[in-house]
Amino acid sequence: ISANLTTFYVSAMHKNNFDFLRLLFASLVVVHHCYPIAGISEQDPLYYFSNGTMSYSYIGVRGFFVISGYLIFQSLMRSENRTDYLVKRLLRIYPALIVVLAVTVLACSFVFDGTIAEYLQHKSVWTYIPINCSLFKLQHTIKGVFENNPLRQAINGSLWTIGYEFSMYLFLFPLFFLKQQKDKVKRWVIAAIVFLFFVLRIALQGKSNMPHLGVLSLDQWCHFGLLFMSGALLSVFHIERHPQRKLILLCCIITTMVFMRWQYFELVQYFLFPPIIIIIGAAAIKGISAIGNTIGDISYGTYIYGFPIQQLLMHYFQFNVMELLLVSLPITLFCGWLSWHLVEKHALAKKKFVYQQISRFI
C-alpha cells in the first residue's frame, strides 16, 4: 500500500496508467473506510453486489500489491546492486511515513481529552512514531485520542499493510542474482515461488492461531506475497507486450464477473486479478496516462493520510457516511498532493546521493 502501499519506477520512455490506477486504488480504500469510521455496520456497495467476496478496499489493497510486484521486480533488475535497490525502497517508504506519523502526533494533541501537558505525559505519545516506523509492530492508539469516535481510538488503520509491502521488498532482495540470468531462468524461479505461495495459501486457509512475526501473520503474508509475486511473474513474461493481451484481459474480466459470487472465488482471483491490473496499467489511455506528470504520484500520501483525516472529521463533526466521503476525499487527495510535492519527490531525488554515501561507508 502498499502499502504497495507503492512507488515505483517505470521507464520514462513508456507512458502507462499505473499512476492513475494507484491513485484510484488509494481512493477506493478511503471510500471503504468511510463506513466503519462513520460507525455503521454496513459494507460498501460492492461487498453486497459480490455476495461478500469483494469490496472497494479489497480491490484497492490487492491492486497495490500486484502493481508493486510488477514494478518493484523491474526496479530490482535495473538496480546497480542490492544497496542501490534497498536505498530506493527505503526512500520511497520512510520519508512520507515519518512525516505523517509526526503530523498525526501533533494533530492528536488538539483532540486529546485533557491538557497538552497531560498529553505529553503519556508514554503512547512518545512511542507512536518509533513503533510504527518499525513496520513489524504497530501502535494503533494514543491514550485519550478519539475515544468518543464511533470507531474508537484507532488513529491510522491503513498502516498495517505497509509492513507487508516492505517485507515483500526484503523478500525480493536475495533474487538480485536473477539480474544476470536469462528470461527463461527468471520465469522458472518466479513461477516456482508463485506456486509455493499458492500451495501455502490453500494449506493455511481457514486455519486459526497463525504464526506471527510482529504484526505479520503467516496466512496474510502468503496472501499478499502471492499477489506481489504474481505481478513479478507477469513482469518477466512481459504480458504488456503479449499479442493476445486484449483477449486475455477480456477473458479475465468475464470470468471474474461470472465467478464473483462463487465461494471459491478467493482462490480463483489470484489467476484473474493480476492480469487485469497489469494489462490495464501497462496500457496508455489518453487523458489518464499523464496524470503522474500533471499532479504527481500522490497515491501513497492519499493512502496514509486518509484514515487519520477521517477520524479527525468524525471527532469534530460526526458526519454520516456520505458527508464523510464528500468532505474527506478532497482533503485527503490534497494532503497526498502535498506529501508528494513537499516530501516524497524531494526524498527520491536524493537517492543517488544517499546511495553514494552508504557505499562509501560500507
Protein backbone atom coordinates (compact mmCIF):
# COMPACT_ATOMS: atom_id res chain seq x y z
CA ILE A 1 0.00 0.00 0.00
CA SER A 2 1.36 -0.96 -0.25
CA ALA A 3 1.40 -0.21 1.04
CA ASN A 4 2.42 -1.48 -2.04
CA LEU A 5 1.39 0.62 -0.45
CA THR A 6 3.98 1.57 -3.74
CA THR A 7 6.27 3.60 -5.68
CA PHE A 8 7.66 2.60 -8.04
CA TYR A 9 9.65 3.37 -11.10
CA VAL A 10 8.60 2.93 -14.71
CA SER A 11 10.65 3.83 -17.74
CA ALA A 12 10.03 7.42 -18.76
CA MET A 13 10.07 6.22 -22.37
CA HIS A 14 6.77 4.40 -21.90
CA LYS A 15 3.55 6.10 -20.83
CA ASN A 16 1.14 3.96 -18.85
CA ASN A 17 -1.83 4.04 -16.50
CA PHE A 18 -0.11 2.86 -13.31
CA ASP A 19 -0.12 6.28 -11.59
CA PHE A 20 -3.84 6.58 -12.28
CA LEU A 21 -4.58 3.06 -11.05
CA ARG A 22 -2.62 3.56 -7.82
CA LEU A 23 -4.50 6.79 -7.15
CA LEU A 24 -7.79 5.04 -7.90
CA PHE A 25 -6.91 2.20 -5.53
CA ALA A 26 -5.91 4.61 -2.75
CA SER A 27 -9.19 6.48 -3.22
CA LEU A 28 -11.18 3.23 -3.06
CA VAL A 29 -9.57 2.46 0.31
CA VAL A 30 -10.52 5.93 1.58
CA VAL A 31 -14.11 5.40 0.40
CA HIS A 32 -14.29 1.98 2.05
CA HIS A 33 -13.04 3.35 5.37
CA CYS A 34 -15.92 5.83 5.49
CA TYR A 35 -18.26 3.04 6.58
CA PRO A 36 -16.55 1.77 9.77
CA ILE A 37 -15.28 5.25 10.69
CA ALA A 38 -18.82 6.65 10.46
CA GLY A 39 -19.88 3.89 12.82
CA ILE A 40 -22.23 1.83 10.69
CA SER A 41 -22.08 -1.92 10.25
CA GLU A 42 -22.84 -1.89 6.52
CA GLN A 43 -20.11 -2.55 3.99
CA ASP A 44 -19.64 -0.66 0.74
CA PRO A 45 -21.99 -1.46 -2.20
CA LEU A 46 -19.51 -3.72 -3.99
CA TYR A 47 -19.45 -6.02 -0.96
CA TYR A 48 -23.17 -6.71 -1.29
CA PHE A 49 -23.12 -6.86 -5.08
CA SER A 50 -20.42 -9.55 -4.98
CA ASN A 51 -22.09 -11.52 -2.17
CA GLY A 52 -19.27 -10.63 0.22
CA THR A 53 -16.36 -11.75 -1.96
CA MET A 54 -15.13 -8.25 -2.87
CA SER A 55 -15.14 -4.66 -1.58
CA TYR A 56 -13.62 -1.33 -2.56
CA SER A 57 -10.78 -1.93 -0.11
CA TYR A 58 -10.36 -5.47 -1.47
CA ILE A 59 -9.68 -4.08 -4.94
CA GLY A 60 -7.56 -1.20 -3.67
CA VAL A 61 -5.15 -3.15 -1.46
CA ARG A 62 -4.80 -6.12 -3.81
CA GLY A 63 -4.27 -3.79 -6.74
CA PHE A 64 -1.43 -2.06 -4.90
CA PHE A 65 0.37 -5.34 -4.26
CA VAL A 66 0.03 -6.60 -7.83
CA ILE A 67 1.35 -3.33 -9.31
CA SER A 68 4.07 -3.23 -6.69
CA GLY A 69 5.31 -6.71 -7.57
CA TYR A 70 5.30 -5.91 -11.27
CA LEU A 71 7.22 -2.63 -10.94
CA ILE A 72 9.47 -3.37 -7.98
CA PHE A 73 10.84 -6.51 -9.61
CA GLN A 74 11.74 -4.38 -12.62
CA SER A 75 13.37 -1.90 -10.24
CA LEU A 76 15.41 -4.73 -8.73
CA MET A 77 16.60 -5.81 -12.17
CA ARG A 78 17.62 -2.23 -13.02
CA SER A 79 19.43 -1.58 -9.75
CA GLU A 80 23.23 -1.36 -9.78
CA ASN A 81 23.44 -3.63 -6.75
CA ARG A 82 21.50 -4.62 -3.66
CA THR A 83 22.43 -1.43 -1.81
CA ASP A 84 21.06 0.68 -4.65
CA TYR A 85 17.81 -1.31 -4.57
CA LEU A 86 17.44 -1.03 -0.80
CA VAL A 87 18.11 2.73 -0.79
CA LYS A 88 15.35 3.28 -3.35
CA ARG A 89 12.91 1.22 -1.33
CA LEU A 90 13.73 2.97 1.96
CA LEU A 91 13.42 6.43 0.43
CA ARG A 92 10.07 5.52 -1.07
CA ILE A 93 8.54 4.28 2.15
CA TYR A 94 10.07 6.13 5.08
CA PRO A 95 10.19 9.92 4.48
CA ALA A 96 6.44 10.25 3.90
CA LEU A 97 5.69 7.72 6.66
CA ILE A 98 7.77 9.59 9.25
CA VAL A 99 6.11 12.89 8.30
CA VAL A 100 2.56 11.53 8.51
CA LEU A 101 3.32 9.97 11.91
CA ALA A 102 4.77 13.26 13.20
CA VAL A 103 1.83 15.28 11.83
CA THR A 104 -0.56 12.77 13.40
CA VAL A 105 1.04 13.08 16.85
CA LEU A 106 0.80 16.88 16.57
CA ALA A 107 -2.82 16.81 15.37
CA CYS A 108 -3.85 14.38 18.10
CA SER A 109 -2.72 16.86 20.75
CA PHE A 110 -5.65 19.09 19.71
CA VAL A 111 -8.27 16.36 20.12
CA PHE A 112 -6.80 14.84 23.28
CA ASP A 113 -9.21 14.64 26.18
CA GLY A 114 -7.12 16.78 28.52
CA THR A 115 -4.39 19.42 28.55
CA ILE A 116 -1.26 19.49 26.40
CA ALA A 117 0.85 18.82 29.49
CA GLU A 118 -1.22 15.72 30.27
CA TYR A 119 -0.96 14.63 26.63
CA LEU A 120 2.82 14.77 26.70
CA GLN A 121 2.96 12.71 29.87
CA HIS A 122 1.52 9.63 28.17
CA LYS A 123 4.06 7.07 27.03
CA SER A 124 1.94 6.24 23.98
CA VAL A 125 2.60 9.73 22.58
CA TRP A 126 6.36 9.12 22.52
CA THR A 127 6.20 5.53 21.29
CA TYR A 128 3.75 6.17 18.44
CA ILE A 129 6.37 7.22 15.88
CA PRO A 130 9.20 4.73 16.62
CA ILE A 131 6.91 1.70 16.97
CA ASN A 132 5.05 2.42 13.73
CA CYS A 133 8.33 3.14 11.93
CA SER A 134 9.45 -0.39 12.70
CA LEU A 135 6.76 -1.64 10.25
CA PHE A 136 6.75 -5.01 12.01
CA LYS A 137 4.96 -3.68 15.05
CA LEU A 138 2.06 -1.26 15.14
CA GLN A 139 0.66 1.13 17.71
CA HIS A 140 -2.90 1.89 16.72
CA THR A 141 -3.81 4.26 19.55
CA ILE A 142 -2.71 7.13 21.74
CA LYS A 143 -4.39 7.21 25.12
CA GLY A 144 -7.16 9.80 25.28
CA VAL A 145 -7.43 10.26 21.50
CA PHE A 146 -10.62 9.51 19.52
CA GLU A 147 -12.09 7.66 22.48
CA ASN A 148 -15.56 9.06 21.74
CA ASN A 149 -15.48 8.44 17.99
CA PRO A 150 -17.76 5.77 16.50
CA LEU A 151 -14.61 3.80 15.63
CA ARG A 152 -12.95 4.25 18.99
CA GLN A 153 -9.28 5.11 19.41
CA ALA A 154 -7.95 3.84 16.06
CA ILE A 155 -5.73 6.55 14.57
CA ASN A 156 -4.50 5.15 11.26
CA GLY A 157 -5.95 1.88 10.13
CA SER A 158 -4.10 1.99 6.81
CA LEU A 159 -0.60 1.48 8.16
CA TRP A 160 -0.85 -2.28 8.70
CA THR A 161 -0.35 -3.11 5.01
CA ILE A 162 2.90 -1.12 4.74
CA GLY A 163 4.73 -3.72 6.83
CA TYR A 164 3.61 -6.45 4.42
CA GLU A 165 4.66 -4.28 1.48
CA PHE A 166 8.13 -3.67 2.89
CA SER A 167 8.52 -7.34 3.75
CA MET A 168 7.96 -8.09 0.06
CA TYR A 169 10.77 -5.70 -0.83
CA LEU A 170 13.04 -7.64 1.51
CA PHE A 171 11.78 -10.94 0.11
CA LEU A 172 12.93 -9.86 -3.37
CA PHE A 173 16.34 -8.84 -2.02
CA PRO A 174 18.05 -12.27 -2.46
CA LEU A 175 16.69 -12.54 -6.01
CA PHE A 176 19.13 -9.93 -7.28
CA PHE A 177 21.18 -12.79 -8.76
CA LEU A 178 18.45 -13.08 -11.44
CA LYS A 179 19.73 -9.84 -12.92
CA GLN A 180 22.47 -11.83 -14.64
CA GLN A 181 20.16 -14.64 -15.76
CA LYS A 182 18.19 -15.12 -18.95
CA ASP A 183 14.44 -14.55 -19.01
CA LYS A 184 13.83 -18.31 -19.07
CA VAL A 185 15.58 -18.74 -15.70
CA LYS A 186 13.76 -15.75 -14.23
CA ARG A 187 10.41 -17.18 -15.29
CA TRP A 188 11.08 -20.60 -13.76
CA VAL A 189 12.29 -19.11 -10.46
CA ILE A 190 9.41 -16.64 -10.08
CA ALA A 191 6.85 -19.24 -11.22
CA ALA A 192 8.15 -21.67 -8.58
CA ILE A 193 7.80 -19.00 -5.90
CA VAL A 194 4.24 -18.19 -7.03
CA PHE A 195 3.36 -21.88 -6.96
CA LEU A 196 4.79 -22.23 -3.44
CA PHE A 197 2.81 -19.23 -2.22
CA PHE A 198 -0.37 -20.64 -3.76
CA VAL A 199 0.09 -24.03 -2.09
CA LEU A 200 0.74 -22.35 1.25
CA ARG A 201 -2.31 -20.13 0.77
CA ILE A 202 -4.52 -23.18 0.26
CA ALA A 203 -2.96 -25.06 3.17
CA LEU A 204 -3.37 -22.13 5.57
CA GLN A 205 -6.86 -21.06 4.53
CA GLY A 206 -9.27 -21.24 7.44
CA LYS A 207 -6.57 -22.12 9.97
CA SER A 208 -6.55 -20.43 13.36
CA ASN A 209 -3.66 -19.40 15.61
CA MET A 210 -1.38 -18.44 12.74
CA PRO A 211 2.31 -17.79 13.50
CA HIS A 212 3.17 -14.09 13.62
CA LEU A 213 6.33 -12.06 13.16
CA GLY A 214 5.34 -8.85 14.86
CA VAL A 215 2.14 -7.82 13.10
CA LEU A 216 2.86 -10.05 10.10
CA SER A 217 0.55 -13.06 10.06
CA LEU A 218 1.74 -16.05 8.03
CA ASP A 219 -1.53 -16.54 6.15
CA GLN A 220 -1.83 -12.83 5.29
CA TRP A 221 1.84 -12.75 4.31
CA CYS A 222 1.29 -15.64 1.89
CA HIS A 223 -1.80 -13.90 0.55
CA PHE A 224 0.00 -10.63 -0.17
CA GLY A 225 3.10 -12.48 -1.29
CA LEU A 226 1.06 -14.37 -3.89
CA LEU A 227 -0.35 -11.12 -5.28
CA PHE A 228 3.05 -9.42 -5.24
CA MET A 229 4.91 -12.28 -6.90
CA SER A 230 2.12 -12.72 -9.45
CA GLY A 231 2.85 -9.17 -10.51
CA ALA A 232 6.55 -10.02 -10.72
CA LEU A 233 5.74 -13.12 -12.79
CA LEU A 234 3.73 -11.08 -15.29
CA SER A 235 6.70 -8.74 -15.49
CA VAL A 236 9.16 -11.47 -16.52
CA PHE A 237 6.62 -12.83 -19.02
CA HIS A 238 6.23 -9.32 -20.47
CA ILE A 239 2.46 -9.62 -20.56
CA GLU A 240 2.23 -5.96 -21.57
CA ARG A 241 3.67 -6.97 -24.97
CA HIS A 242 1.72 -10.20 -25.44
CA PRO A 243 -0.04 -10.14 -28.84
CA GLN A 244 -3.22 -11.56 -27.27
CA ARG A 245 -3.24 -9.33 -24.20
CA LYS A 246 -6.60 -7.75 -25.08
CA LEU A 247 -8.19 -11.18 -25.38
CA ILE A 248 -6.58 -12.24 -22.07
CA LEU A 249 -7.97 -9.10 -20.44
CA LEU A 250 -11.47 -9.71 -21.78
CA CYS A 251 -11.48 -13.36 -20.68
CA CYS A 252 -10.27 -12.47 -17.17
CA ILE A 253 -12.92 -9.76 -16.76
CA ILE A 254 -15.74 -12.00 -17.95
CA THR A 255 -14.58 -14.89 -15.75
CA THR A 256 -14.38 -12.54 -12.77
CA MET A 257 -17.95 -11.37 -13.32
CA VAL A 258 -19.21 -14.94 -13.70
CA PHE A 259 -17.46 -16.36 -10.63
CA MET A 260 -17.57 -13.27 -8.42
CA ARG A 261 -20.21 -14.74 -6.11
CA TRP A 262 -18.66 -18.23 -6.01
CA GLN A 263 -17.46 -19.37 -2.60
CA TYR A 264 -14.04 -20.32 -4.00
CA PHE A 265 -13.51 -17.00 -5.76
CA GLU A 266 -10.81 -16.11 -3.19
CA LEU A 267 -8.55 -18.70 -4.82
CA VAL A 268 -9.65 -18.08 -8.41
CA GLN A 269 -8.96 -14.36 -8.15
CA TYR A 270 -5.20 -14.95 -7.89
CA PHE A 271 -5.28 -16.02 -11.55
CA LEU A 272 -7.70 -13.34 -12.75
CA PHE A 273 -6.98 -10.14 -10.86
CA PRO A 274 -3.24 -9.67 -11.61
CA PRO A 275 -3.57 -9.89 -15.45
CA ILE A 276 -6.48 -7.43 -15.38
CA ILE A 277 -4.49 -4.92 -13.33
CA ILE A 278 -1.22 -5.21 -15.25
CA ILE A 279 -2.69 -5.20 -18.76
CA ILE A 280 -4.80 -2.13 -18.00
CA GLY A 281 -1.95 -0.48 -16.11
CA ALA A 282 0.67 -1.07 -18.81
CA ALA A 283 -1.58 0.46 -21.47
CA ALA A 284 -1.63 4.19 -22.14
CA ILE A 285 -5.13 5.66 -22.19
CA LYS A 286 -5.18 9.25 -23.37
CA GLY A 287 -6.15 11.63 -20.61
CA ILE A 288 -5.15 9.44 -17.67
CA SER A 289 -1.71 8.10 -18.58
CA ALA A 290 -0.19 11.53 -17.97
CA ILE A 291 -1.73 12.03 -14.53
CA GLY A 292 1.60 11.45 -12.80
CA ASN A 293 3.21 14.21 -14.82
CA THR A 294 0.25 16.51 -14.18
CA ILE A 295 -0.28 16.22 -10.43
CA GLY A 296 2.47 13.83 -9.31
CA ASP A 297 2.36 10.35 -7.79
CA ILE A 298 0.03 11.23 -4.92
CA SER A 299 -1.32 7.73 -4.23
CA TYR A 300 0.94 6.86 -1.29
CA GLY A 301 0.19 10.13 0.50
CA THR A 302 -3.52 9.69 -0.17
CA TYR A 303 -3.38 6.20 1.29
CA ILE A 304 -1.56 7.06 4.52
CA TYR A 305 -3.39 10.34 5.28
CA GLY A 306 -6.96 9.20 4.60
CA PHE A 307 -7.73 7.37 7.83
CA PRO A 308 -6.49 9.97 10.36
CA ILE A 309 -8.18 12.78 8.39
CA GLN A 310 -11.48 10.90 8.52
CA GLN A 311 -11.12 10.27 12.24
CA LEU A 312 -10.42 13.97 12.84
CA LEU A 313 -13.50 14.93 10.85
CA MET A 314 -15.65 12.49 12.82
CA HIS A 315 -14.30 13.88 16.08
CA TYR A 316 -15.42 17.40 15.22
CA PHE A 317 -18.49 16.92 13.02
CA GLN A 318 -19.97 13.42 13.48
CA PHE A 319 -20.73 13.07 9.76
CA ASN A 320 -22.79 10.33 8.19
CA VAL A 321 -21.16 8.13 5.54
CA MET A 322 -21.94 10.30 2.53
CA GLU A 323 -20.97 13.53 4.28
CA LEU A 324 -17.71 11.99 5.45
CA LEU A 325 -16.94 10.80 1.92
CA LEU A 326 -17.68 14.14 0.25
CA VAL A 327 -15.58 16.09 2.74
CA SER A 328 -12.71 13.70 3.47
CA LEU A 329 -11.81 12.57 -0.06
CA PRO A 330 -10.88 16.03 -1.44
CA ILE A 331 -8.93 16.87 1.72
CA THR A 332 -7.11 13.54 1.58
CA LEU A 333 -6.22 13.98 -2.09
CA PHE A 334 -4.86 17.45 -1.30
CA CYS A 335 -2.74 16.04 1.54
CA GLY A 336 -1.49 13.35 -0.84
CA TRP A 337 -0.52 16.10 -3.28
CA LEU A 338 1.32 17.98 -0.52
CA SER A 339 3.06 14.80 0.60
CA TRP A 340 4.37 14.14 -2.90
CA HIS A 341 5.50 17.67 -3.69
CA LEU A 342 6.88 18.57 -0.28
CA VAL A 343 8.33 15.25 0.92
CA GLU A 344 8.34 12.25 -1.39
CA LYS A 345 9.59 13.84 -4.60
CA HIS A 346 12.49 15.52 -2.82
CA ALA A 347 13.42 12.35 -0.93
CA LEU A 348 13.54 10.32 -4.15
CA ALA A 349 15.71 12.99 -5.77
CA LYS A 350 18.32 12.27 -3.08
CA LYS A 351 18.58 8.54 -3.81
CA LYS A 352 21.83 8.85 -5.75
CA PHE A 353 23.42 10.96 -3.01
CA VAL A 354 22.27 8.60 -0.25
CA TYR A 355 23.47 5.57 -2.23
CA GLN A 356 26.91 7.13 -2.71
CA GLN A 357 27.23 7.95 0.99
CA ILE A 358 26.21 4.45 2.08
CA SER A 359 28.55 2.88 -0.47
CA ARG A 360 31.47 4.92 0.84
CA PHE A 361 30.64 3.94 4.40
CA ILE A 362 30.44 0.27 3.52
